[in-house]
Amino acid sequence: NDFGMASRNLKTSETGVVSKQIATDGIALIVNKESAVTNVTSEEVYELYANGTAVQSAITAGITRESGSGTRDAFGELIKNSEGNTLKALTLASVITQQGSTDAVKTSIAGNVNQMGYISLGSMDNTVKALQFKGVDATVANVKNGTYELSRPFNIVYRSEDKLSDVAKAFIEYIMSADGQKIVEEEGYITVA
């Protein structure tokens, strides 16, 4: 293959390839539209996912994505407790269930007022409610200005520019062009160019 896509940065163990960021994405923490919860801290989310501790007595269960999901990987690195520990390597609490797609997460949340989940900000719609994180709304503007902390890169990954075909080079150039970045923005993601 000429290239692949990754919704996270390369790991140090992933050698022999380079990555180029083509967009940024926010990760929205979502709840049922009827939930009384509007704002959460990293510690509250960590305690729900790590230990099954209810969030503000209202959210008693959570949803995670399947192993290998880029959204799950970023969520696991970004959510931390007060000591700075991440969810990344933990076995999640028994109140956390797994879903295999963004649509499945949204459907489950829309049908249960006591659950919390997370999805790509670009996938938000009116079936669920995005929570504030540390008092900041989950918006494109807040991801861009750095006040909304839950974000991740979208990267294109390849061996080296020298080994790319002319067609692959043209595709990458298009993604980074004004027209390509306009599509990124129209789809609800954050431009890098």
N, C-alpha and C. Protein backbone atom coordinates (compact mmCIF):
# COMPACT_ATOMS: atom_id res chain seq x y z
N ASN A 1 0.84 -1.19 0.00
CA ASN A 1 0.00 0.00 0.00
C ASN A 1 0.88 1.25 0.00
N ASP A 2 0.39 2.27 -0.66
CA ASP A 2 1.13 3.54 -0.64
C ASP A 2 1.03 4.21 0.72
N PHE A 3 -0.15 4.19 1.34
CA PHE A 3 -0.33 4.86 2.63
C PHE A 3 -1.49 4.25 3.39
N GLY A 4 -1.58 4.61 4.64
CA GLY A 4 -2.69 4.22 5.50
C GLY A 4 -3.10 5.42 6.32
N MET A 5 -4.13 5.26 7.14
CA MET A 5 -4.62 6.34 7.98
C MET A 5 -4.51 5.92 9.44
N ALA A 6 -4.27 6.89 10.32
CA ALA A 6 -4.21 6.63 11.75
C ALA A 6 -4.85 7.82 12.48
N SER A 7 -5.72 7.51 13.43
CA SER A 7 -6.37 8.58 14.20
C SER A 7 -5.65 8.77 15.53
N ARG A 8 -4.33 8.69 15.47
CA ARG A 8 -3.47 8.89 16.62
C ARG A 8 -2.05 9.09 16.11
N ASN A 9 -1.17 9.52 17.00
CA ASN A 9 0.24 9.61 16.64
C ASN A 9 0.85 8.22 16.59
N LEU A 10 1.93 8.09 15.84
CA LEU A 10 2.63 6.81 15.78
C LEU A 10 3.23 6.48 17.14
N LYS A 11 3.25 5.20 17.46
CA LYS A 11 3.92 4.73 18.67
C LYS A 11 5.41 4.56 18.38
N THR A 12 6.22 4.64 19.41
CA THR A 12 7.67 4.48 19.21
C THR A 12 8.01 3.12 18.63
N SER A 13 7.16 2.13 18.86
CA SER A 13 7.40 0.79 18.33
C SER A 13 7.04 0.67 16.85
N GLU A 14 6.36 1.66 16.31
CA GLU A 14 5.94 1.62 14.90
C GLU A 14 7.00 2.30 14.04
N THR A 15 7.98 1.53 13.67
CA THR A 15 9.11 2.06 12.92
C THR A 15 8.97 1.76 11.44
N GLY A 16 9.75 2.45 10.64
CA GLY A 16 9.74 2.23 9.20
C GLY A 16 8.68 3.01 8.46
N VAL A 17 7.94 3.85 9.18
CA VAL A 17 6.92 4.70 8.56
C VAL A 17 7.00 6.10 9.16
N VAL A 18 6.45 7.05 8.43
CA VAL A 18 6.32 8.43 8.91
C VAL A 18 4.86 8.82 8.83
N SER A 19 4.49 9.87 9.54
CA SER A 19 3.10 10.32 9.47
C SER A 19 3.05 11.81 9.21
N LYS A 20 1.95 12.21 8.60
CA LYS A 20 1.70 13.62 8.32
C LYS A 20 0.29 13.92 8.80
N GLN A 21 0.15 14.92 9.65
CA GLN A 21 -1.17 15.27 10.17
C GLN A 21 -1.97 15.99 9.09
N ILE A 22 -3.20 15.47 8.85
CA ILE A 22 -4.06 16.06 7.83
C ILE A 22 -5.27 16.77 8.43
N ALA A 23 -5.55 16.50 9.72
CA ALA A 23 -6.68 17.14 10.40
C ALA A 23 -6.53 16.89 11.90
N THR A 24 -7.35 17.58 12.67
CA THR A 24 -7.46 17.36 14.11
C THR A 24 -8.91 17.05 14.40
N ASP A 25 -9.12 16.21 15.41
CA ASP A 25 -10.48 15.84 15.81
C ASP A 25 -10.63 16.00 17.30
N GLY A 26 -11.75 16.50 17.73
CA GLY A 26 -12.07 16.51 19.14
C GLY A 26 -12.74 15.20 19.51
N ILE A 27 -12.65 14.83 20.77
CA ILE A 27 -13.38 13.66 21.28
C ILE A 27 -14.46 14.20 22.21
N ALA A 28 -15.71 13.97 21.83
CA ALA A 28 -16.84 14.46 22.61
C ALA A 28 -17.27 13.41 23.62
N LEU A 29 -17.41 13.81 24.86
CA LEU A 29 -18.01 12.96 25.89
C LEU A 29 -19.51 13.18 25.77
N ILE A 30 -20.26 12.09 25.58
CA ILE A 30 -21.68 12.24 25.29
C ILE A 30 -22.56 11.53 26.32
N VAL A 31 -23.74 12.10 26.49
CA VAL A 31 -24.77 11.53 27.36
C VAL A 31 -26.12 11.68 26.67
N ASN A 32 -27.11 11.04 27.24
CA ASN A 32 -28.49 11.16 26.79
C ASN A 32 -28.91 12.63 26.86
N LYS A 33 -29.73 13.07 25.93
CA LYS A 33 -30.17 14.47 25.90
C LYS A 33 -30.92 14.87 27.17
N GLU A 34 -31.51 13.91 27.87
CA GLU A 34 -32.27 14.20 29.10
C GLU A 34 -31.40 14.19 30.35
N SER A 35 -30.13 13.86 30.23
CA SER A 35 -29.24 13.79 31.41
C SER A 35 -29.11 15.16 32.06
N ALA A 36 -29.12 15.18 33.38
CA ALA A 36 -28.93 16.42 34.13
C ALA A 36 -27.46 16.85 34.14
N VAL A 37 -26.55 15.95 33.83
CA VAL A 37 -25.12 16.26 33.84
C VAL A 37 -24.78 17.10 32.61
N THR A 38 -24.04 18.18 32.84
CA THR A 38 -23.63 19.05 31.74
C THR A 38 -22.13 19.24 31.64
N ASN A 39 -21.41 19.00 32.73
CA ASN A 39 -19.98 19.26 32.79
C ASN A 39 -19.31 18.19 33.64
N VAL A 40 -18.16 17.69 33.17
CA VAL A 40 -17.41 16.69 33.93
C VAL A 40 -15.93 17.05 33.98
N THR A 41 -15.26 16.48 34.98
CA THR A 41 -13.81 16.62 35.08
C THR A 41 -13.16 15.33 34.59
N SER A 42 -11.89 15.39 34.34
CA SER A 42 -11.15 14.19 33.94
C SER A 42 -11.20 13.15 35.04
N GLU A 43 -11.10 13.59 36.28
CA GLU A 43 -11.12 12.66 37.42
C GLU A 43 -12.45 11.91 37.51
N GLU A 44 -13.57 12.61 37.28
CA GLU A 44 -14.88 11.96 37.32
C GLU A 44 -15.00 10.88 36.25
N VAL A 45 -14.54 11.21 35.04
CA VAL A 45 -14.61 10.25 33.94
C VAL A 45 -13.69 9.06 34.23
N TYR A 46 -12.50 9.35 34.73
CA TYR A 46 -11.55 8.29 35.08
C TYR A 46 -12.16 7.34 36.10
N GLU A 47 -12.75 7.89 37.14
CA GLU A 47 -13.32 7.05 38.22
C GLU A 47 -14.47 6.19 37.72
N LEU A 48 -15.29 6.71 36.80
CA LEU A 48 -16.36 5.89 36.22
C LEU A 48 -15.78 4.73 35.45
N TYR A 49 -14.84 5.01 34.57
CA TYR A 49 -14.29 3.97 33.69
C TYR A 49 -13.35 3.01 34.42
N ALA A 50 -12.60 3.51 35.39
CA ALA A 50 -11.63 2.66 36.10
C ALA A 50 -12.26 1.89 37.25
N ASN A 51 -13.17 2.54 37.99
CA ASN A 51 -13.67 1.95 39.23
C ASN A 51 -15.19 1.82 39.32
N GLY A 52 -15.91 2.29 38.31
CA GLY A 52 -17.37 2.18 38.34
C GLY A 52 -18.04 3.19 39.24
N THR A 53 -17.33 4.26 39.60
CA THR A 53 -17.88 5.29 40.48
C THR A 53 -18.83 6.20 39.69
N ALA A 54 -20.05 6.34 40.16
CA ALA A 54 -21.05 7.16 39.46
C ALA A 54 -20.58 8.60 39.33
N VAL A 55 -20.95 9.22 38.24
CA VAL A 55 -20.64 10.63 37.99
C VAL A 55 -21.84 11.45 38.44
N GLN A 56 -21.62 12.28 39.45
CA GLN A 56 -22.65 13.20 39.96
C GLN A 56 -23.96 12.46 40.26
N SER A 57 -23.86 11.25 40.74
CA SER A 57 -24.98 10.38 41.10
C SER A 57 -25.93 10.10 39.94
N ALA A 58 -25.63 10.56 38.74
CA ALA A 58 -26.55 10.42 37.62
C ALA A 58 -26.08 9.44 36.56
N ILE A 59 -24.79 9.41 36.31
CA ILE A 59 -24.24 8.51 35.29
C ILE A 59 -23.61 7.33 36.01
N THR A 60 -24.20 6.16 35.80
CA THR A 60 -23.77 4.97 36.53
C THR A 60 -23.12 3.92 35.63
N ALA A 61 -23.05 4.18 34.34
CA ALA A 61 -22.47 3.22 33.40
C ALA A 61 -21.81 3.98 32.25
N GLY A 62 -20.91 3.30 31.58
CA GLY A 62 -20.23 3.91 30.45
C GLY A 62 -20.09 2.96 29.29
N ILE A 63 -19.76 3.54 28.15
CA ILE A 63 -19.52 2.76 26.94
C ILE A 63 -18.12 3.08 26.46
N THR A 64 -17.42 2.05 26.04
CA THR A 64 -16.12 2.22 25.41
C THR A 64 -16.17 1.62 24.02
N ARG A 65 -15.20 1.96 23.20
CA ARG A 65 -15.09 1.36 21.86
C ARG A 65 -14.25 0.10 21.93
N GLU A 66 -14.24 -0.65 20.85
CA GLU A 66 -13.51 -1.91 20.79
C GLU A 66 -12.00 -1.67 20.81
N SER A 67 -11.27 -2.69 21.23
CA SER A 67 -9.82 -2.64 21.21
C SER A 67 -9.36 -2.40 19.78
N GLY A 68 -8.41 -1.52 19.60
CA GLY A 68 -7.94 -1.19 18.26
C GLY A 68 -8.56 0.07 17.70
N SER A 69 -9.59 0.59 18.34
CA SER A 69 -10.23 1.83 17.91
C SER A 69 -9.30 3.01 18.22
N GLY A 70 -9.09 3.86 17.24
CA GLY A 70 -8.27 5.06 17.46
C GLY A 70 -8.90 6.00 18.47
N THR A 71 -10.23 6.07 18.47
CA THR A 71 -10.93 6.92 19.43
C THR A 71 -10.70 6.38 20.84
N ARG A 72 -10.79 5.06 21.01
CA ARG A 72 -10.54 4.46 22.33
C ARG A 72 -9.10 4.70 22.77
N ASP A 73 -8.17 4.56 21.85
CA ASP A 73 -6.76 4.77 22.17
C ASP A 73 -6.53 6.20 22.68
N ALA A 74 -7.07 7.18 21.96
CA ALA A 74 -6.89 8.57 22.38
C ALA A 74 -7.59 8.86 23.70
N PHE A 75 -8.82 8.36 23.85
CA PHE A 75 -9.58 8.53 25.10
C PHE A 75 -8.77 7.97 26.27
N GLY A 76 -8.22 6.79 26.11
CA GLY A 76 -7.44 6.14 27.17
C GLY A 76 -6.20 6.91 27.57
N GLU A 77 -5.63 7.64 26.64
CA GLU A 77 -4.45 8.46 26.94
C GLU A 77 -4.80 9.82 27.53
N LEU A 78 -5.93 10.37 27.13
CA LEU A 78 -6.29 11.73 27.53
C LEU A 78 -6.99 11.82 28.89
N ILE A 79 -7.74 10.79 29.26
CA ILE A 79 -8.45 10.83 30.54
C ILE A 79 -7.51 10.36 31.64
N LYS A 80 -7.34 11.23 32.66
CA LYS A 80 -6.38 10.96 33.74
C LYS A 80 -7.02 11.21 35.10
N ASN A 81 -6.48 10.53 36.10
CA ASN A 81 -6.91 10.80 37.47
C ASN A 81 -6.05 11.92 38.05
N SER A 82 -6.26 12.24 39.31
CA SER A 82 -5.55 13.37 39.92
C SER A 82 -4.04 13.15 40.03
N GLU A 83 -3.60 11.88 39.96
CA GLU A 83 -2.17 11.58 39.99
C GLU A 83 -1.55 11.56 38.60
N GLY A 84 -2.34 11.76 37.58
CA GLY A 84 -1.85 11.75 36.21
C GLY A 84 -1.84 10.39 35.54
N ASN A 85 -2.42 9.38 36.20
CA ASN A 85 -2.51 8.04 35.60
C ASN A 85 -3.59 8.05 34.52
N THR A 86 -3.34 7.34 33.43
CA THR A 86 -4.30 7.26 32.33
C THR A 86 -5.09 5.96 32.40
N LEU A 87 -6.15 5.91 31.63
CA LEU A 87 -6.96 4.69 31.52
C LEU A 87 -6.33 3.67 30.58
N LYS A 88 -5.32 4.08 29.85
CA LYS A 88 -4.77 3.30 28.74
C LYS A 88 -4.55 1.82 29.05
N ALA A 89 -3.86 1.51 30.12
CA ALA A 89 -3.48 0.11 30.39
C ALA A 89 -4.40 -0.59 31.38
N LEU A 90 -5.46 0.07 31.81
CA LEU A 90 -6.33 -0.50 32.84
C LEU A 90 -7.37 -1.47 32.28
N THR A 91 -7.75 -2.41 33.10
CA THR A 91 -8.95 -3.19 32.83
C THR A 91 -10.10 -2.31 33.29
N LEU A 92 -11.06 -2.07 32.41
CA LEU A 92 -12.14 -1.16 32.75
C LEU A 92 -13.14 -1.79 33.71
N ALA A 93 -13.85 -0.95 34.44
CA ALA A 93 -14.83 -1.39 35.44
C ALA A 93 -15.95 -2.20 34.79
N SER A 94 -16.61 -3.00 35.59
CA SER A 94 -17.68 -3.88 35.09
C SER A 94 -18.90 -3.09 34.60
N VAL A 95 -19.02 -1.82 34.94
CA VAL A 95 -20.16 -1.01 34.48
C VAL A 95 -19.92 -0.44 33.08
N ILE A 96 -18.77 -0.76 32.50
CA ILE A 96 -18.41 -0.27 31.17
C ILE A 96 -18.65 -1.37 30.14
N THR A 97 -19.45 -1.07 29.13
CA THR A 97 -19.69 -2.02 28.05
C THR A 97 -19.00 -1.54 26.77
N GLN A 98 -18.80 -2.46 25.87
CA GLN A 98 -18.08 -2.15 24.64
C GLN A 98 -19.02 -2.12 23.44
N GLN A 99 -18.80 -1.17 22.57
CA GLN A 99 -19.54 -1.08 21.31
C GLN A 99 -18.54 -1.01 20.16
N GLY A 100 -18.93 -1.53 19.00
CA GLY A 100 -18.02 -1.64 17.87
C GLY A 100 -18.09 -0.53 16.85
N SER A 101 -18.91 0.49 17.08
CA SER A 101 -18.99 1.59 16.12
C SER A 101 -19.51 2.85 16.80
N THR A 102 -19.27 3.96 16.16
CA THR A 102 -19.79 5.24 16.65
C THR A 102 -21.31 5.23 16.70
N ASP A 103 -21.95 4.72 15.66
CA ASP A 103 -23.42 4.68 15.64
C ASP A 103 -23.97 3.84 16.78
N ALA A 104 -23.30 2.72 17.09
CA ALA A 104 -23.76 1.88 18.20
C ALA A 104 -23.62 2.61 19.53
N VAL A 105 -22.55 3.39 19.70
CA VAL A 105 -22.39 4.18 20.93
C VAL A 105 -23.51 5.20 21.04
N LYS A 106 -23.78 5.94 19.97
CA LYS A 106 -24.82 6.96 20.00
C LYS A 106 -26.20 6.34 20.26
N THR A 107 -26.50 5.22 19.62
CA THR A 107 -27.80 4.56 19.81
C THR A 107 -27.97 4.13 21.26
N SER A 108 -26.94 3.56 21.85
CA SER A 108 -27.02 3.12 23.25
C SER A 108 -27.22 4.32 24.18
N ILE A 109 -26.46 5.36 23.99
CA ILE A 109 -26.56 6.57 24.83
C ILE A 109 -27.95 7.21 24.67
N ALA A 110 -28.44 7.29 23.45
CA ALA A 110 -29.76 7.89 23.20
C ALA A 110 -30.86 7.13 23.92
N GLY A 111 -30.65 5.84 24.19
CA GLY A 111 -31.66 5.03 24.84
C GLY A 111 -31.47 4.82 26.32
N ASN A 112 -30.46 5.45 26.93
CA ASN A 112 -30.19 5.23 28.36
C ASN A 112 -29.68 6.51 29.00
N VAL A 113 -30.48 7.08 29.88
CA VAL A 113 -30.13 8.35 30.52
C VAL A 113 -29.00 8.23 31.54
N ASN A 114 -28.63 7.00 31.90
CA ASN A 114 -27.60 6.80 32.92
C ASN A 114 -26.22 6.46 32.36
N GLN A 115 -26.03 6.54 31.04
CA GLN A 115 -24.76 6.18 30.43
C GLN A 115 -23.98 7.38 29.93
N MET A 116 -22.66 7.20 29.84
CA MET A 116 -21.76 8.15 29.21
C MET A 116 -20.94 7.38 28.18
N GLY A 117 -20.61 8.04 27.10
CA GLY A 117 -19.73 7.46 26.10
C GLY A 117 -18.87 8.54 25.48
N TYR A 118 -18.18 8.19 24.44
CA TYR A 118 -17.34 9.16 23.74
C TYR A 118 -17.32 8.82 22.26
N ILE A 119 -17.29 9.88 21.44
CA ILE A 119 -17.26 9.74 19.99
C ILE A 119 -16.41 10.86 19.40
N SER A 120 -16.12 10.73 18.14
CA SER A 120 -15.46 11.79 17.40
C SER A 120 -16.36 13.02 17.38
N LEU A 121 -15.81 14.19 17.60
CA LEU A 121 -16.58 15.43 17.56
C LEU A 121 -17.24 15.60 16.19
N GLY A 122 -16.57 15.15 15.15
CA GLY A 122 -17.12 15.24 13.80
C GLY A 122 -18.35 14.37 13.60
N SER A 123 -18.63 13.45 14.52
CA SER A 123 -19.79 12.56 14.42
C SER A 123 -20.96 13.01 15.28
N MET A 124 -20.84 14.14 15.96
CA MET A 124 -21.93 14.63 16.81
C MET A 124 -23.17 14.94 15.98
N ASP A 125 -24.32 14.63 16.56
CA ASP A 125 -25.60 15.01 15.97
C ASP A 125 -26.59 15.29 17.09
N ASN A 126 -27.84 15.51 16.76
CA ASN A 126 -28.82 15.90 17.77
C ASN A 126 -29.45 14.72 18.52
N THR A 127 -28.92 13.51 18.35
CA THR A 127 -29.47 12.36 19.08
C THR A 127 -28.89 12.24 20.48
N VAL A 128 -27.76 12.93 20.73
CA VAL A 128 -27.09 12.87 22.02
C VAL A 128 -26.62 14.28 22.41
N LYS A 129 -26.15 14.41 23.65
CA LYS A 129 -25.68 15.70 24.15
C LYS A 129 -24.19 15.59 24.47
N ALA A 130 -23.42 16.56 24.01
CA ALA A 130 -22.00 16.62 24.35
C ALA A 130 -21.84 17.35 25.68
N LEU A 131 -21.02 16.77 26.55
CA LEU A 131 -20.74 17.40 27.84
C LEU A 131 -19.61 18.41 27.72
N GLN A 132 -19.63 19.38 28.60
CA GLN A 132 -18.46 20.23 28.77
C GLN A 132 -17.40 19.39 29.47
N PHE A 133 -16.14 19.64 29.16
CA PHE A 133 -15.03 18.98 29.82
C PHE A 133 -14.23 20.06 30.52
N LYS A 134 -14.21 19.99 31.85
CA LYS A 134 -13.55 21.02 32.67
C LYS A 134 -14.11 22.40 32.38
N GLY A 135 -15.43 22.46 32.16
CA GLY A 135 -16.10 23.74 31.95
C GLY A 135 -16.02 24.29 30.54
N VAL A 136 -15.48 23.53 29.59
CA VAL A 136 -15.30 24.02 28.22
C VAL A 136 -16.17 23.19 27.27
N ASP A 137 -16.91 23.89 26.41
CA ASP A 137 -17.77 23.22 25.43
C ASP A 137 -16.93 22.46 24.40
N ALA A 138 -17.46 21.32 23.96
CA ALA A 138 -16.83 20.52 22.91
C ALA A 138 -17.21 21.10 21.55
N THR A 139 -16.43 22.07 21.09
CA THR A 139 -16.69 22.71 19.80
C THR A 139 -15.40 22.75 18.98
N VAL A 140 -15.57 22.89 17.69
CA VAL A 140 -14.41 23.02 16.79
C VAL A 140 -13.57 24.22 17.21
N ALA A 141 -14.22 25.34 17.50
CA ALA A 141 -13.48 26.55 17.89
C ALA A 141 -12.64 26.31 19.14
N ASN A 142 -13.20 25.59 20.12
CA ASN A 142 -12.46 25.35 21.36
C ASN A 142 -11.34 24.32 21.20
N VAL A 143 -11.51 23.38 20.26
CA VAL A 143 -10.40 22.47 19.95
C VAL A 143 -9.29 23.27 19.29
N LYS A 144 -9.66 24.14 18.34
CA LYS A 144 -8.67 24.96 17.62
C LYS A 144 -7.89 25.86 18.57
N ASN A 145 -8.58 26.49 19.52
CA ASN A 145 -7.87 27.44 20.39
C ASN A 145 -7.22 26.76 21.60
N GLY A 146 -7.38 25.43 21.70
CA GLY A 146 -6.69 24.68 22.74
C GLY A 146 -7.37 24.64 24.09
N THR A 147 -8.55 25.24 24.23
CA THR A 147 -9.21 25.24 25.53
C THR A 147 -9.96 23.93 25.80
N TYR A 148 -10.40 23.25 24.74
CA TYR A 148 -11.01 21.93 24.89
C TYR A 148 -9.89 20.91 24.70
N GLU A 149 -9.57 20.20 25.77
CA GLU A 149 -8.35 19.39 25.82
C GLU A 149 -8.45 18.02 25.18
N LEU A 150 -9.64 17.55 24.90
CA LEU A 150 -9.78 16.19 24.36
C LEU A 150 -9.73 16.24 22.83
N SER A 151 -8.53 16.12 22.29
CA SER A 151 -8.37 16.13 20.84
C SER A 151 -7.26 15.18 20.43
N ARG A 152 -7.26 14.85 19.15
CA ARG A 152 -6.26 13.92 18.61
C ARG A 152 -6.00 14.27 17.16
N PRO A 153 -4.86 13.84 16.64
CA PRO A 153 -4.57 14.10 15.24
C PRO A 153 -5.16 13.02 14.33
N PHE A 154 -5.48 13.40 13.12
CA PHE A 154 -5.76 12.44 12.06
C PHE A 154 -4.55 12.50 11.13
N ASN A 155 -3.91 11.35 10.94
CA ASN A 155 -2.67 11.30 10.17
C ASN A 155 -2.77 10.37 8.98
N ILE A 156 -1.99 10.70 7.97
CA ILE A 156 -1.77 9.77 6.87
C ILE A 156 -0.37 9.21 7.10
N VAL A 157 -0.21 7.91 6.92
CA VAL A 157 1.03 7.22 7.26
C VAL A 157 1.58 6.52 6.02
N TYR A 158 2.89 6.67 5.81
CA TYR A 158 3.53 6.05 4.65
C TYR A 158 5.00 5.78 4.96
N ARG A 159 5.63 4.96 4.11
CA ARG A 159 7.03 4.59 4.35
C ARG A 159 7.96 5.79 4.22
N SER A 160 7.91 6.48 3.11
CA SER A 160 8.67 7.70 2.90
C SER A 160 8.13 8.38 1.66
N GLU A 161 8.33 9.68 1.54
CA GLU A 161 7.85 10.39 0.36
C GLU A 161 8.50 9.85 -0.90
N ASP A 162 9.76 9.45 -0.80
CA ASP A 162 10.48 8.92 -1.96
C ASP A 162 9.83 7.66 -2.52
N LYS A 163 9.17 6.89 -1.66
CA LYS A 163 8.57 5.62 -2.10
C LYS A 163 7.11 5.75 -2.50
N LEU A 164 6.54 6.96 -2.40
CA LEU A 164 5.15 7.16 -2.79
C LEU A 164 5.02 7.24 -4.31
N SER A 165 3.95 6.68 -4.83
CA SER A 165 3.66 6.82 -6.25
C SER A 165 3.26 8.27 -6.53
N ASP A 166 3.30 8.66 -7.79
CA ASP A 166 2.89 10.02 -8.16
C ASP A 166 1.42 10.27 -7.78
N VAL A 167 0.58 9.25 -7.95
CA VAL A 167 -0.84 9.38 -7.60
C VAL A 167 -1.00 9.60 -6.10
N ALA A 168 -0.26 8.84 -5.30
CA ALA A 168 -0.34 8.99 -3.84
C ALA A 168 0.16 10.37 -3.41
N LYS A 169 1.23 10.84 -4.02
CA LYS A 169 1.74 12.20 -3.71
C LYS A 169 0.68 13.25 -4.04
N ALA A 170 0.04 13.08 -5.19
CA ALA A 170 -1.00 14.03 -5.59
C ALA A 170 -2.18 14.01 -4.62
N PHE A 171 -2.54 12.82 -4.13
CA PHE A 171 -3.64 12.70 -3.17
C PHE A 171 -3.30 13.44 -1.88
N ILE A 172 -2.09 13.23 -1.36
CA ILE A 172 -1.68 13.91 -0.13
C ILE A 172 -1.63 15.42 -0.34
N GLU A 173 -1.12 15.85 -1.48
CA GLU A 173 -1.10 17.29 -1.79
C GLU A 173 -2.52 17.86 -1.81
N TYR A 174 -3.47 17.08 -2.36
CA TYR A 174 -4.85 17.54 -2.40
C TYR A 174 -5.44 17.67 -0.99
N ILE A 175 -5.20 16.67 -0.14
CA ILE A 175 -5.72 16.74 1.23
C ILE A 175 -5.22 18.01 1.93
N MET A 176 -3.96 18.35 1.69
CA MET A 176 -3.36 19.50 2.37
C MET A 176 -3.70 20.83 1.68
N SER A 177 -4.29 20.78 0.47
CA SER A 177 -4.63 22.01 -0.25
C SER A 177 -5.84 22.69 0.39
N ALA A 178 -6.10 23.90 -0.05
CA ALA A 178 -7.27 24.64 0.46
C ALA A 178 -8.56 23.86 0.18
N ASP A 179 -8.67 23.25 -1.00
CA ASP A 179 -9.88 22.47 -1.33
C ASP A 179 -10.02 21.25 -0.42
N GLY A 180 -8.91 20.55 -0.19
CA GLY A 180 -8.93 19.37 0.68
C GLY A 180 -9.27 19.74 2.11
N GLN A 181 -8.67 20.80 2.61
CA GLN A 181 -8.92 21.23 3.98
C GLN A 181 -10.34 21.78 4.15
N LYS A 182 -10.92 22.29 3.06
CA LYS A 182 -12.32 22.73 3.10
C LYS A 182 -13.23 21.53 3.37
N ILE A 183 -12.93 20.38 2.77
CA ILE A 183 -13.70 19.16 3.00
C ILE A 183 -13.55 18.72 4.46
N VAL A 184 -12.33 18.79 4.99
CA VAL A 184 -12.09 18.47 6.40
C VAL A 184 -13.02 19.30 7.28
N GLU A 185 -13.05 20.60 7.02
CA GLU A 185 -13.89 21.51 7.81
C GLU A 185 -15.38 21.23 7.64
N GLU A 186 -15.81 20.96 6.42
CA GLU A 186 -17.22 20.68 6.15
C GLU A 186 -17.69 19.41 6.85
N GLU A 187 -16.79 18.48 7.09
CA GLU A 187 -17.13 17.23 7.74
C GLU A 187 -17.09 17.32 9.27
N GLY A 188 -16.79 18.52 9.80
CA GLY A 188 -16.82 18.73 11.25
C GLY A 188 -15.49 18.54 11.95
N TYR A 189 -14.41 18.47 11.18
CA TYR A 189 -13.09 18.30 11.77
C TYR A 189 -12.32 19.60 11.69
N ILE A 190 -11.13 19.62 12.24
CA ILE A 190 -10.36 20.84 12.35
C ILE A 190 -9.21 20.80 11.36
N THR A 191 -9.08 21.85 10.58
CA THR A 191 -8.04 21.92 9.56
C THR A 191 -6.67 22.12 10.17
N VAL A 192 -5.64 21.72 9.42
CA VAL A 192 -4.25 21.92 9.87
C VAL A 192 -3.50 22.86 8.94
N ALA A 193 -4.04 23.09 7.76
CA ALA A 193 -3.35 23.94 6.79
C ALA A 193 -3.87 25.36 6.83
